[in-house]
Amino acid sequence: MLDVRRLRLLRELARRGTIAAVAEALAFSPSAVSQQLSVLEREAGLPLLERTGRRVRLTPAGQHLVGHAEAVLERLERAEADLAEARDGLAGALRVGAFPSATRAIVPAALVTLARRHPALEAMVSETDPAAVAHALRAGDLDVALVHEYDFVPAPVEPGLETEPLCREAMYLAEPTPPPGSAAPDLALGQGVALRAHRDAPWITATPGTLCHAMTVRACQAAGFSPRERHRVDEFATVLALVAAGQGVAVVPQLGVAGSAAPVGEAGEAGEAGGPSVPGVRLTRLPMERRTKIAFRSGAAAHPAVAAFAAALREAVPPELAPSSPPKPTPSPRPET
């Protein structure tokens, strides 16, 4: 009989690529991971790994078994959801991952709603970059998380995970407030005009390896240039402070602006009519957007705790940011078995 815990190790090896990475993610020693995979090979009765020096890769049989492992783990998630549904009330820990702007603008209100409805359920929030969410969910470090994608940076396919749409945000070009009377870029000519006007300016981007960094770089490249990066900062309130200080320009999402916005009419220049205002910053809306989704392990959509938190999140989203269509689970493609 194949052991589910060892199947999970094989699945993680297929996703992470090295035994060392699997060991680090799951808090094992590399030797323990190797030993368990060797036992799995004996249980399977044929080689699952090919070892070349210090590197390993899955054999065709190993890859085929990973597909079965995905299906087995999904069924286990559904079984846990069914058992949780049968219990009286929700209790225990719910481990939540969220990126900073959502943690500030959406998650607190959702936590208040969740605590009012299910006081025995303890949501535990960890700021997590969307690029790290898939591994954390599959490893069991998180139960549910928020991820996002941009027009220029679509979300990668992540086997073993499902998502539901949560909200859509406008994107803004942030630049220091220009002298009085300066004209805003004519967006009827396309977002490239607004960005290209700053092709020689210093840019403030997120750190390399994040989706936010890729978004800025690709948007500028689509406009015909590569940004000259001066500062690399992940927190949007700090980005806007640097813009106001004349340190460069940046592209920021609506939720990133929300925490630094002042009421229109105070110091600072408003963006489009009724839009946000940040002291010392001119915000020009771009014809692009960021989309945020709720992510969880395949099969966990019906888990009462996950469903309750997802419902609380949707209630916390301002109406103007709600997705245009009702949320529907979006399973990632499952490997062929």
C-alpha atoms as a PDB file:
ATOM      1  CA  MET A   1       0.000   0.000   0.000  1.00  0.00           C
ATOM      2  CA  LEU A   2       1.372   3.406  -0.995  1.00  0.00           C
ATOM      3  CA  ASP A   3       1.825   5.848   1.857  1.00  0.00           C
ATOM      4  CA  VAL A   4       0.085   9.224   1.369  1.00  0.00           C
ATOM      5  CA  ARG A   5       2.810  11.114   3.223  1.00  0.00           C
ATOM      6  CA  ARG A   6       5.433   9.735   0.860  1.00  0.00           C
ATOM      7  CA  LEU A   7       3.233  10.536  -2.139  1.00  0.00           C
ATOM      8  CA  ARG A   8       3.148  14.131  -0.896  1.00  0.00           C
ATOM      9  CA  LEU A   9       6.968  14.184  -0.817  1.00  0.00           C
ATOM     10  CA  LEU A  10       7.087  12.905  -4.397  1.00  0.00           C
ATOM     11  CA  ARG A  11       4.595  15.552  -5.476  1.00  0.00           C
ATOM     12  CA  GLU A  12       6.668  18.268  -3.822  1.00  0.00           C
ATOM     13  CA  LEU A  13       9.816  16.976  -5.511  1.00  0.00           C
ATOM     14  CA  ALA A  14       8.051  17.243  -8.868  1.00  0.00           C
ATOM     15  CA  ARG A  15       7.137  20.876  -8.098  1.00  0.00           C
ATOM     16  CA  ARG A  16      10.299  22.090  -6.340  1.00  0.00           C
ATOM     17  CA  GLY A  17      12.931  20.233  -8.347  1.00  0.00           C
ATOM     18  CA  THR A  18      15.428  19.233  -5.660  1.00  0.00           C
ATOM     19  CA  ILE A  19      15.426  17.123  -2.516  1.00  0.00           C
ATOM     20  CA  ALA A  20      17.035  20.018  -0.634  1.00  0.00           C
ATOM     21  CA  ALA A  21      14.143  22.327  -1.569  1.00  0.00           C
ATOM     22  CA  VAL A  22      11.590  19.733  -0.473  1.00  0.00           C
ATOM     23  CA  ALA A  23      13.410  19.230   2.822  1.00  0.00           C
ATOM     24  CA  GLU A  24      13.565  22.966   3.516  1.00  0.00           C
ATOM     25  CA  ALA A  25       9.884  23.489   2.679  1.00  0.00           C
ATOM     26  CA  LEU A  26       8.598  20.607   4.779  1.00  0.00           C
ATOM     27  CA  ALA A  27      11.046  20.943   7.691  1.00  0.00           C
ATOM     28  CA  PHE A  28      12.792  17.603   7.070  1.00  0.00           C
ATOM     29  CA  SER A  29      16.449  16.823   6.623  1.00  0.00           C
ATOM     30  CA  PRO A  30      17.493  16.009   3.044  1.00  0.00           C
ATOM     31  CA  SER A  31      18.542  12.537   4.163  1.00  0.00           C
ATOM     32  CA  ALA A  32      15.082  11.923   5.645  1.00  0.00           C
ATOM     33  CA  VAL A  33      13.423  12.959   2.388  1.00  0.00           C
ATOM     34  CA  SER A  34      15.734  10.678   0.383  1.00  0.00           C
ATOM     35  CA  GLN A  35      15.046   7.800   2.741  1.00  0.00           C
ATOM     36  CA  GLN A  36      11.268   8.201   2.498  1.00  0.00           C
ATOM     37  CA  LEU A  37      11.395   8.403  -1.292  1.00  0.00           C
ATOM     38  CA  SER A  38      13.466   5.215  -1.373  1.00  0.00           C
ATOM     39  CA  VAL A  39      10.796   3.501   0.720  1.00  0.00           C
ATOM     40  CA  LEU A  40       8.155   4.762  -1.721  1.00  0.00           C
ATOM     41  CA  GLU A  41      10.100   3.235  -4.598  1.00  0.00           C
ATOM     42  CA  ARG A  42      10.126  -0.111  -2.770  1.00  0.00           C
ATOM     43  CA  GLU A  43       6.382   0.186  -2.180  1.00  0.00           C
ATOM     44  CA  ALA A  44       5.825   0.988  -5.864  1.00  0.00           C
ATOM     45  CA  GLY A  45       8.044  -1.868  -7.017  1.00  0.00           C
ATOM     46  CA  LEU A  46       9.913   0.123  -9.686  1.00  0.00           C
ATOM     47  CA  PRO A  47      12.232   3.148  -9.940  1.00  0.00           C
ATOM     48  CA  LEU A  48      10.555   6.529  -9.486  1.00  0.00           C
ATOM     49  CA  LEU A  49      13.704   8.666  -9.509  1.00  0.00           C
ATOM     50  CA  GLU A  50      16.798   8.854 -11.703  1.00  0.00           C
ATOM     51  CA  ARG A  51      19.894   9.952  -9.816  1.00  0.00           C
ATOM     52  CA  THR A  52      22.763  11.630 -11.653  1.00  0.00           C
ATOM     53  CA  GLY A  53      25.419  12.732  -9.207  1.00  0.00           C
ATOM     54  CA  ARG A  54      23.691  15.056  -6.757  1.00  0.00           C
ATOM     55  CA  ARG A  55      20.683  15.670  -9.005  1.00  0.00           C
ATOM     56  CA  VAL A  56      17.488  13.654  -9.282  1.00  0.00           C
ATOM     57  CA  ARG A  57      14.596  13.664 -11.697  1.00  0.00           C
ATOM     58  CA  LEU A  58      11.389  11.710 -11.922  1.00  0.00           C
ATOM     59  CA  THR A  59      11.155   8.685 -14.199  1.00  0.00           C
ATOM     60  CA  PRO A  60       8.054   8.355 -16.423  1.00  0.00           C
ATOM     61  CA  ALA A  61       6.595   6.079 -13.733  1.00  0.00           C
ATOM     62  CA  GLY A  62       7.334   8.732 -11.094  1.00  0.00           C
ATOM     63  CA  GLN A  63       5.656  11.440 -13.155  1.00  0.00           C
ATOM     64  CA  HIS A  64       2.641   9.190 -13.678  1.00  0.00           C
ATOM     65  CA  LEU A  65       2.438   8.534  -9.946  1.00  0.00           C
ATOM     66  CA  VAL A  66       2.507  12.280  -9.215  1.00  0.00           C
ATOM     67  CA  GLY A  67      -0.687  12.622 -11.248  1.00  0.00           C
ATOM     68  CA  HIS A  68      -2.337   9.968  -9.100  1.00  0.00           C
ATOM     69  CA  ALA A  69      -0.990  11.698  -5.986  1.00  0.00           C
ATOM     70  CA  GLU A  70      -2.679  14.956  -6.997  1.00  0.00           C
ATOM     71  CA  ALA A  71      -6.015  13.151  -7.311  1.00  0.00           C
ATOM     72  CA  VAL A  72      -5.567  11.328  -3.987  1.00  0.00           C
ATOM     73  CA  LEU A  73      -4.639  14.507  -2.121  1.00  0.00           C
ATOM     74  CA  GLU A  74      -7.620  16.341  -3.604  1.00  0.00           C
ATOM     75  CA  ARG A  75      -9.966  13.580  -2.424  1.00  0.00           C
ATOM     76  CA  LEU A  76      -8.453  13.803   1.049  1.00  0.00           C
ATOM     77  CA  GLU A  77      -9.121  17.557   1.086  1.00  0.00           C
ATOM     78  CA  ARG A  78     -12.746  16.854   0.186  1.00  0.00           C
ATOM     79  CA  ALA A  79     -12.965  14.219   2.906  1.00  0.00           C
ATOM     80  CA  GLU A  80     -11.639  16.714   5.482  1.00  0.00           C
ATOM     81  CA  ALA A  81     -14.190  19.258   4.248  1.00  0.00           C
ATOM     82  CA  ASP A  82     -17.015  16.738   4.683  1.00  0.00           C
ATOM     83  CA  LEU A  83     -15.883  15.893   8.210  1.00  0.00           C
ATOM     84  CA  ALA A  84     -15.598  19.562   9.131  1.00  0.00           C
ATOM     85  CA  GLU A  85     -19.113  20.139   7.803  1.00  0.00           C
ATOM     86  CA  ALA A  86     -20.427  17.399  10.102  1.00  0.00           C
ATOM     87  CA  ARG A  87     -18.976  19.020  13.227  1.00  0.00           C
ATOM     88  CA  ASP A  88     -20.916  21.539  15.284  1.00  0.00           C
ATOM     89  CA  GLY A  89     -19.460  24.966  14.644  1.00  0.00           C
ATOM     90  CA  LEU A  90     -16.091  26.081  13.315  1.00  0.00           C
ATOM     91  CA  ALA A  91     -13.086  26.047  15.619  1.00  0.00           C
ATOM     92  CA  GLY A  92      -9.327  25.901  15.506  1.00  0.00           C
ATOM     93  CA  ALA A  93      -6.713  27.648  13.415  1.00  0.00           C
ATOM     94  CA  LEU A  94      -7.130  28.906   9.850  1.00  0.00           C
ATOM     95  CA  ARG A  95      -3.759  29.869   8.345  1.00  0.00           C
ATOM     96  CA  VAL A  96      -4.126  32.745   5.903  1.00  0.00           C
ATOM     97  CA  GLY A  97      -1.570  34.198   3.492  1.00  0.00           C
ATOM     98  CA  ALA A  98      -2.030  37.692   2.047  1.00  0.00           C
ATOM     99  CA  PHE A  99       0.076  40.308   0.293  1.00  0.00           C
ATOM    100  CA  PRO A 100       0.604  43.662   2.079  1.00  0.00           C
ATOM    101  CA  SER A 101      -1.887  45.944   0.294  1.00  0.00           C
ATOM    102  CA  ALA A 102      -4.695  43.383   0.702  1.00  0.00           C
ATOM    103  CA  THR A 103      -3.642  42.755   4.308  1.00  0.00           C
ATOM    104  CA  ARG A 104      -4.146  46.450   5.002  1.00  0.00           C
ATOM    105  CA  ALA A 105      -7.196  47.253   2.857  1.00  0.00           C
ATOM    106  CA  ILE A 106      -9.374  44.104   2.834  1.00  0.00           C
ATOM    107  CA  VAL A 107      -8.310  41.501   5.380  1.00  0.00           C
ATOM    108  CA  PRO A 108      -9.029  43.432   8.644  1.00  0.00           C
ATOM    109  CA  ALA A 109     -12.726  43.907   7.813  1.00  0.00           C
ATOM    110  CA  ALA A 110     -12.956  40.247   6.784  1.00  0.00           C
ATOM    111  CA  LEU A 111     -11.431  39.175  10.106  1.00  0.00           C
ATOM    112  CA  VAL A 112     -13.998  41.222  12.033  1.00  0.00           C
ATOM    113  CA  THR A 113     -16.840  39.543  10.126  1.00  0.00           C
ATOM    114  CA  LEU A 114     -15.304  36.105  10.578  1.00  0.00           C
ATOM    115  CA  ALA A 115     -14.822  36.603  14.332  1.00  0.00           C
ATOM    116  CA  ARG A 116     -18.420  37.750  14.748  1.00  0.00           C
ATOM    117  CA  ARG A 117     -19.819  34.724  12.924  1.00  0.00           C
ATOM    118  CA  HIS A 118     -17.362  32.068  14.111  1.00  0.00           C
ATOM    119  CA  PRO A 119     -15.714  33.220  17.358  1.00  0.00           C
ATOM    120  CA  ALA A 120     -13.997  29.861  17.927  1.00  0.00           C
ATOM    121  CA  LEU A 121     -12.255  29.971  14.538  1.00  0.00           C
ATOM    122  CA  GLU A 122      -8.832  31.605  14.862  1.00  0.00           C
ATOM    123  CA  ALA A 123      -7.587  33.139  11.616  1.00  0.00           C
ATOM    124  CA  MET A 124      -3.802  33.542  11.622  1.00  0.00           C
ATOM    125  CA  VAL A 125      -2.518  35.918   8.921  1.00  0.00           C
ATOM    126  CA  SER A 126       0.991  35.829   7.449  1.00  0.00           C
ATOM    127  CA  GLU A 127       2.132  38.317   4.820  1.00  0.00           C
ATOM    128  CA  THR A 128       3.088  36.144   1.860  1.00  0.00           C
ATOM    129  CA  ASP A 129       4.228  37.177  -1.597  1.00  0.00           C
ATOM    130  CA  PRO A 130       1.889  35.645  -4.206  1.00  0.00           C
ATOM    131  CA  ALA A 131       4.873  33.961  -5.850  1.00  0.00           C
ATOM    132  CA  ALA A 132       5.367  31.874  -2.684  1.00  0.00           C
ATOM    133  CA  VAL A 133       1.715  30.992  -2.065  1.00  0.00           C
ATOM    134  CA  ALA A 134       1.498  27.823  -4.180  1.00  0.00           C
ATOM    135  CA  HIS A 135       4.335  26.071  -2.359  1.00  0.00           C
ATOM    136  CA  ALA A 136       3.010  27.185   1.043  1.00  0.00           C
ATOM    137  CA  LEU A 137      -0.486  25.863   0.298  1.00  0.00           C
ATOM    138  CA  ARG A 138       0.735  22.531  -1.062  1.00  0.00           C
ATOM    139  CA  ALA A 139       3.087  22.109   1.892  1.00  0.00           C
ATOM    140  CA  GLY A 140       0.218  22.727   4.324  1.00  0.00           C
ATOM    141  CA  ASP A 141       1.767  25.903   5.757  1.00  0.00           C
ATOM    142  CA  LEU A 142      -1.316  27.869   4.630  1.00  0.00           C
ATOM    143  CA  ASP A 143      -4.980  26.899   4.319  1.00  0.00           C
ATOM    144  CA  VAL A 144      -6.129  29.802   2.166  1.00  0.00           C
ATOM    145  CA  ALA A 145      -4.347  32.767   0.593  1.00  0.00           C
ATOM    146  CA  LEU A 146      -4.737  35.818  -1.608  1.00  0.00           C
ATOM    147  CA  VAL A 147      -2.856  35.954  -4.895  1.00  0.00           C
ATOM    148  CA  HIS A 148      -2.916  38.435  -7.737  1.00  0.00           C
ATOM    149  CA  GLU A 149      -2.082  38.816 -11.400  1.00  0.00           C
ATOM    150  CA  TYR A 150      -1.583  41.775 -13.729  1.00  0.00           C
ATOM    151  CA  ASP A 151      -2.467  42.307 -17.373  1.00  0.00           C
ATOM    152  CA  PHE A 152       1.204  41.914 -18.271  1.00  0.00           C
ATOM    153  CA  VAL A 153       1.874  39.147 -15.729  1.00  0.00           C
ATOM    154  CA  PRO A 154      -0.764  36.392 -15.862  1.00  0.00           C
ATOM    155  CA  ALA A 155      -0.875  33.950 -12.976  1.00  0.00           C
ATOM    156  CA  PRO A 156       1.071  30.736 -13.628  1.00  0.00           C
ATOM    157  CA  VAL A 157      -0.774  27.430 -13.721  1.00  0.00           C
ATOM    158  CA  GLU A 158      -0.399  25.731 -10.333  1.00  0.00           C
ATOM    159  CA  PRO A 159      -1.425  22.053 -10.194  1.00  0.00           C
ATOM    160  CA  GLY A 160      -3.142  21.075  -6.984  1.00  0.00           C
ATOM    161  CA  LEU A 161      -4.652  24.514  -6.375  1.00  0.00           C
ATOM    162  CA  GLU A 162      -7.973  26.199  -7.112  1.00  0.00           C
ATOM    163  CA  THR A 163      -8.857  29.889  -7.150  1.00  0.00           C
ATOM    164  CA  GLU A 164     -11.921  32.123  -6.946  1.00  0.00           C
ATOM    165  CA  PRO A 165     -11.982  35.757  -8.165  1.00  0.00           C
ATOM    166  CA  LEU A 166     -12.148  38.361  -5.402  1.00  0.00           C
ATOM    167  CA  CYS A 167     -11.606  41.847  -6.854  1.00  0.00           C
ATOM    168  CA  ARG A 168     -10.205  43.932  -9.717  1.00  0.00           C
ATOM    169  CA  GLU A 169      -8.239  47.143  -9.290  1.00  0.00           C
ATOM    170  CA  ALA A 170      -7.298  50.048 -11.488  1.00  0.00           C
ATOM    171  CA  MET A 171      -3.607  50.773 -12.017  1.00  0.00           C
ATOM    172  CA  TYR A 172      -2.074  54.239 -11.771  1.00  0.00           C
ATOM    173  CA  LEU A 173       1.045  55.971 -12.982  1.00  0.00           C
ATOM    174  CA  ALA A 174       2.408  57.858  -9.962  1.00  0.00           C
ATOM    175  CA  GLU A 175       4.644  60.872 -10.636  1.00  0.00           C
ATOM    176  CA  PRO A 176       5.650  63.909  -8.584  1.00  0.00           C
ATOM    177  CA  THR A 177       3.047  66.675  -8.723  1.00  0.00           C
ATOM    178  CA  PRO A 178       3.986  68.754 -11.780  1.00  0.00           C
ATOM    179  CA  PRO A 179       3.937  72.577 -11.899  1.00  0.00           C
ATOM    180  CA  PRO A 180       0.468  74.182 -12.012  1.00  0.00           C
ATOM    181  CA  GLY A 181      -1.064  74.124 -15.475  1.00  0.00           C
ATOM    182  CA  SER A 182       0.800  71.036 -16.675  1.00  0.00           C
ATOM    183  CA  ALA A 183      -1.385  68.823 -18.847  1.00  0.00           C
ATOM    184  CA  ALA A 184      -2.009  65.205 -17.971  1.00  0.00           C
ATOM    185  CA  PRO A 185      -1.116  62.594 -20.603  1.00  0.00           C
ATOM    186  CA  ASP A 186      -3.853  61.917 -23.159  1.00  0.00           C
ATOM    187  CA  LEU A 187      -4.788  58.309 -22.395  1.00  0.00           C
ATOM    188  CA  ALA A 188      -6.943  58.177 -25.512  1.00  0.00           C
ATOM    189  CA  LEU A 189      -3.644  57.545 -27.285  1.00  0.00           C
ATOM    190  CA  GLY A 190      -2.928  54.494 -25.121  1.00  0.00           C
ATOM    191  CA  GLN A 191      -1.101  53.798 -21.866  1.00  0.00           C
ATOM    192  CA  GLY A 192       2.206  53.765 -23.760  1.00  0.00           C
ATOM    193  CA  VAL A 193       1.996  57.565 -24.042  1.00  0.00           C
ATOM    194  CA  ALA A 194       1.765  58.040 -20.267  1.00  0.00           C
ATOM    195  CA  LEU A 195       4.627  55.640 -19.587  1.00  0.00           C
ATOM    196  CA  ARG A 196       6.803  56.718 -22.517  1.00  0.00           C
ATOM    197  CA  ALA A 197       6.720  60.304 -21.244  1.00  0.00           C
ATOM    198  CA  HIS A 198       8.910  59.028 -18.391  1.00  0.00           C
ATOM    199  CA  ARG A 199      11.259  56.781 -20.318  1.00  0.00           C
ATOM    200  CA  ASP A 200      14.265  58.859 -19.202  1.00  0.00           C
ATOM    201  CA  ALA A 201      13.081  59.270 -15.602  1.00  0.00           C
ATOM    202  CA  PRO A 202      14.256  57.146 -12.673  1.00  0.00           C
ATOM    203  CA  TRP A 203      11.748  54.446 -11.741  1.00  0.00           C
ATOM    204  CA  ILE A 204      10.722  52.964  -8.419  1.00  0.00           C
ATOM    205  CA  THR A 205       9.955  49.263  -8.757  1.00  0.00           C
ATOM    206  CA  ALA A 206       9.356  46.302  -6.495  1.00  0.00           C
ATOM    207  CA  THR A 207      12.179  43.856  -5.810  1.00  0.00           C
ATOM    208  CA  PRO A 208      13.121  41.495  -8.665  1.00  0.00           C
ATOM    209  CA  GLY A 209      11.395  38.126  -8.553  1.00  0.00           C
ATOM    210  CA  THR A 210       8.028  39.573  -7.493  1.00  0.00           C
ATOM    211  CA  LEU A 211       4.990  39.878  -9.764  1.00  0.00           C
ATOM    212  CA  CYS A 212       4.880  43.632  -9.076  1.00  0.00           C
ATOM    213  CA  HIS A 213       8.400  44.059 -10.402  1.00  0.00           C
ATOM    214  CA  ALA A 214       7.620  42.037 -13.525  1.00  0.00           C
ATOM    215  CA  MET A 215       4.464  44.109 -14.076  1.00  0.00           C
ATOM    216  CA  THR A 216       6.303  47.441 -14.149  1.00  0.00           C
ATOM    217  CA  VAL A 217       9.127  46.167 -16.328  1.00  0.00           C
ATOM    218  CA  ARG A 218       6.806  44.513 -18.850  1.00  0.00           C
ATOM    219  CA  ALA A 219       4.438  47.492 -19.020  1.00  0.00           C
ATOM    220  CA  CYS A 220       7.378  49.773 -19.803  1.00  0.00           C
ATOM    221  CA  GLN A 221       8.764  47.325 -22.345  1.00  0.00           C
ATOM    222  CA  ALA A 222       5.360  47.233 -24.044  1.00  0.00           C
ATOM    223  CA  ALA A 223       5.623  51.022 -24.261  1.00  0.00           C
ATOM    224  CA  GLY A 224       8.969  50.692 -26.031  1.00  0.00           C
ATOM    225  CA  PHE A 225      11.611  51.116 -23.328  1.00  0.00           C
ATOM    226  CA  SER A 226      13.161  49.472 -20.278  1.00  0.00           C
ATOM    227  CA  PRO A 227      12.797  51.412 -17.007  1.00  0.00           C
ATOM    228  CA  ARG A 228      15.886  52.823 -15.339  1.00  0.00           C
ATOM    229  CA  GLU A 229      15.400  51.431 -11.832  1.00  0.00           C
ATOM    230  CA  ARG A 230      16.633  53.675  -9.040  1.00  0.00           C
ATOM    231  CA  HIS A 231      14.793  52.326  -5.994  1.00  0.00           C
ATOM    232  CA  ARG A 232      13.387  48.858  -5.321  1.00  0.00           C
ATOM    233  CA  VAL A 233      10.672  48.909  -2.676  1.00  0.00           C
ATOM    234  CA  ASP A 234       7.794  46.480  -2.109  1.00  0.00           C
ATOM    235  CA  GLU A 235       5.537  48.547   0.171  1.00  0.00           C
ATOM    236  CA  PHE A 236       3.371  50.891  -1.903  1.00  0.00           C
ATOM    237  CA  ALA A 237       3.000  53.572   0.794  1.00  0.00           C
ATOM    238  CA  THR A 238       6.789  53.895   0.781  1.00  0.00           C
ATOM    239  CA  VAL A 239       6.829  53.912  -3.024  1.00  0.00           C
ATOM    240  CA  LEU A 240       4.394  56.843  -3.054  1.00  0.00           C
ATOM    241  CA  ALA A 241       6.419  58.684  -0.406  1.00  0.00           C
ATOM    242  CA  LEU A 242       9.490  58.357  -2.624  1.00  0.00           C
ATOM    243  CA  VAL A 243       7.510  59.593  -5.637  1.00  0.00           C
ATOM    244  CA  ALA A 244       6.328  62.630  -3.624  1.00  0.00           C
ATOM    245  CA  ALA A 245       9.968  63.274  -2.676  1.00  0.00           C
ATOM    246  CA  GLY A 246      10.877  63.522  -6.367  1.00  0.00           C
ATOM    247  CA  GLN A 247      12.805  60.252  -6.385  1.00  0.00           C
ATOM    248  CA  GLY A 248      11.145  58.771  -9.461  1.00  0.00           C
ATOM    249  CA  VAL A 249       7.916  57.487 -10.946  1.00  0.00           C
ATOM    250  CA  ALA A 250       6.074  54.211 -10.399  1.00  0.00           C
ATOM    251  CA  VAL A 251       3.070  52.122 -11.359  1.00  0.00           C
ATOM    252  CA  VAL A 252       0.827  51.306  -8.387  1.00  0.00           C
ATOM    253  CA  PRO A 253      -2.494  49.458  -7.947  1.00  0.00           C
ATOM    254  CA  GLN A 254      -5.606  51.009  -6.463  1.00  0.00           C
ATOM    255  CA  LEU A 255      -5.295  49.198  -3.124  1.00  0.00           C
ATOM    256  CA  GLY A 256      -1.686  50.357  -2.933  1.00  0.00           C
ATOM    257  CA  VAL A 257      -2.888  53.943  -3.270  1.00  0.00           C
ATOM    258  CA  ALA A 258      -5.712  53.550  -0.759  1.00  0.00           C
ATOM    259  CA  GLY A 259      -3.480  53.492   2.316  1.00  0.00           C
ATOM    260  CA  SER A 260      -1.758  56.755   1.336  1.00  0.00           C
ATOM    261  CA  ALA A 261      -4.694  58.609  -0.178  1.00  0.00           C
ATOM    262  CA  ALA A 262      -5.947  61.910   1.182  1.00  0.00           C
ATOM    263  CA  PRO A 263      -9.461  63.226   0.550  1.00  0.00           C
ATOM    264  CA  VAL A 264      -9.656  65.007  -2.800  1.00  0.00           C
ATOM    265  CA  GLY A 265      -9.207  68.704  -2.224  1.00  0.00           C
ATOM    266  CA  GLU A 266      -6.446  68.432   0.375  1.00  0.00           C
ATOM    267  CA  ALA A 267      -2.760  68.774  -0.455  1.00  0.00           C
ATOM    268  CA  GLY A 268      -1.995  66.661  -3.468  1.00  0.00           C
ATOM    269  CA  GLU A 269      -3.509  66.349  -6.920  1.00  0.00           C
ATOM    270  CA  ALA A 270      -6.492  64.132  -7.587  1.00  0.00           C
ATOM    271  CA  GLY A 271      -6.366  61.510 -10.257  1.00  0.00           C
ATOM    272  CA  GLU A 272      -9.352  61.036 -12.504  1.00  0.00           C
ATOM    273  CA  ALA A 273     -12.631  62.557 -11.314  1.00  0.00           C
ATOM    274  CA  GLY A 274     -13.514  61.114  -7.947  1.00  0.00           C
ATOM    275  CA  GLY A 275     -10.261  59.192  -7.845  1.00  0.00           C
ATOM    276  CA  PRO A 276      -7.694  59.043  -5.058  1.00  0.00           C
ATOM    277  CA  SER A 277      -5.429  61.889  -4.068  1.00  0.00           C
ATOM    278  CA  VAL A 278      -1.950  61.525  -2.561  1.00  0.00           C
ATOM    279  CA  PRO A 279      -0.054  64.593  -1.294  1.00  0.00           C
ATOM    280  CA  GLY A 280       2.760  65.507  -3.671  1.00  0.00           C
ATOM    281  CA  VAL A 281       1.773  62.882  -6.249  1.00  0.00           C
ATOM    282  CA  ARG A 282      -0.147  63.038  -9.506  1.00  0.00           C
ATOM    283  CA  LEU A 283      -1.983  59.797 -10.262  1.00  0.00           C
ATOM    284  CA  THR A 284      -2.931  59.016 -13.835  1.00  0.00           C
ATOM    285  CA  ARG A 285      -5.173  56.012 -14.364  1.00  0.00           C
ATOM    286  CA  LEU A 286      -3.795  53.488 -16.844  1.00  0.00           C
ATOM    287  CA  PRO A 287      -5.913  51.143 -19.001  1.00  0.00           C
ATOM    288  CA  MET A 288      -4.649  48.056 -17.162  1.00  0.00           C
ATOM    289  CA  GLU A 289      -5.670  46.285 -13.971  1.00  0.00           C
ATOM    290  CA  ARG A 290      -4.675  43.942 -11.167  1.00  0.00           C
ATOM    291  CA  ARG A 291      -6.908  40.986 -10.322  1.00  0.00           C
ATOM    292  CA  THR A 292      -6.910  39.372  -6.883  1.00  0.00           C
ATOM    293  CA  LYS A 293      -8.033  35.782  -6.282  1.00  0.00           C
ATOM    294  CA  ILE A 294      -8.632  33.548  -3.286  1.00  0.00           C
ATOM    295  CA  ALA A 295      -6.438  30.423  -3.521  1.00  0.00           C
ATOM    296  CA  PHE A 296      -6.680  27.099  -1.704  1.00  0.00           C
ATOM    297  CA  ARG A 297      -5.810  23.444  -2.215  1.00  0.00           C
ATOM    298  CA  SER A 298      -7.870  21.520  -4.765  1.00  0.00           C
ATOM    299  CA  GLY A 299     -10.836  19.981  -3.011  1.00  0.00           C
ATOM    300  CA  ALA A 300     -10.859  22.515  -0.158  1.00  0.00           C
ATOM    301  CA  ALA A 301     -13.455  24.911  -1.609  1.00  0.00           C
ATOM    302  CA  ALA A 302     -16.220  23.222   0.386  1.00  0.00           C
ATOM    303  CA  HIS A 303     -14.304  23.244   3.665  1.00  0.00           C
ATOM    304  CA  PRO A 304     -16.473  25.324   6.020  1.00  0.00           C
ATOM    305  CA  ALA A 305     -13.572  27.389   7.372  1.00  0.00           C
ATOM    306  CA  VAL A 306     -12.238  28.201   3.899  1.00  0.00           C
ATOM    307  CA  ALA A 307     -15.740  28.980   2.612  1.00  0.00           C
ATOM    308  CA  ALA A 308     -16.497  31.186   5.626  1.00  0.00           C
ATOM    309  CA  PHE A 309     -13.314  33.208   5.194  1.00  0.00           C
ATOM    310  CA  ALA A 310     -13.886  33.548   1.440  1.00  0.00           C
ATOM    311  CA  ALA A 311     -17.404  34.866   2.094  1.00  0.00           C
ATOM    312  CA  ALA A 312     -16.058  37.365   4.632  1.00  0.00           C
ATOM    313  CA  LEU A 313     -13.427  38.541   2.149  1.00  0.00           C
ATOM    314  CA  ARG A 314     -16.012  39.122  -0.576  1.00  0.00           C
ATOM    315  CA  GLU A 315     -18.109  41.202   1.826  1.00  0.00           C
ATOM    316  CA  ALA A 316     -15.048  43.282   2.714  1.00  0.00           C
ATOM    317  CA  VAL A 317     -14.298  44.228  -0.902  1.00  0.00           C
ATOM    318  CA  PRO A 318     -15.561  47.713  -1.836  1.00  0.00           C
ATOM    319  CA  PRO A 319     -18.385  47.436  -4.424  1.00  0.00           C
ATOM    320  CA  GLU A 320     -16.393  49.273  -7.075  1.00  0.00           C
ATOM    321  CA  LEU A 321     -13.666  46.615  -6.905  1.00  0.00           C
ATOM    322  CA  ALA A 322     -15.939  43.558  -7.042  1.00  0.00           C
ATOM    323  CA  PRO A 323     -15.431  41.262 -10.047  1.00  0.00           C
ATOM    324  CA  SER A 324     -17.976  41.677 -12.831  1.00  0.00           C
ATOM    325  CA  SER A 325     -19.082  38.028 -12.715  1.00  0.00           C
ATOM    326  CA  PRO A 326     -20.080  35.763  -9.789  1.00  0.00           C
ATOM    327  CA  PRO A 327     -17.104  33.937  -8.279  1.00  0.00           C
ATOM    328  CA  LYS A 328     -16.705  30.363  -9.488  1.00  0.00           C
ATOM    329  CA  PRO A 329     -14.001  27.872  -8.444  1.00  0.00           C
ATOM    330  CA  THR A 330     -11.283  27.653 -11.086  1.00  0.00           C
ATOM    331  CA  PRO A 331      -9.373  24.366 -10.783  1.00  0.00           C
ATOM    332  CA  SER A 332      -5.851  24.254 -12.115  1.00  0.00           C
ATOM    333  CA  PRO A 333      -5.325  21.651 -14.845  1.00  0.00           C
ATOM    334  CA  ARG A 334      -4.601  18.268 -13.291  1.00  0.00           C
ATOM    335  CA  PRO A 335      -1.713  16.220 -14.683  1.00  0.00           C
ATOM    336  CA  GLU A 336      -2.872  13.347 -16.818  1.00  0.00           C
ATOM    337  CA  THR A 337      -3.096  10.039 -15.045  1.00  0.00           C
END
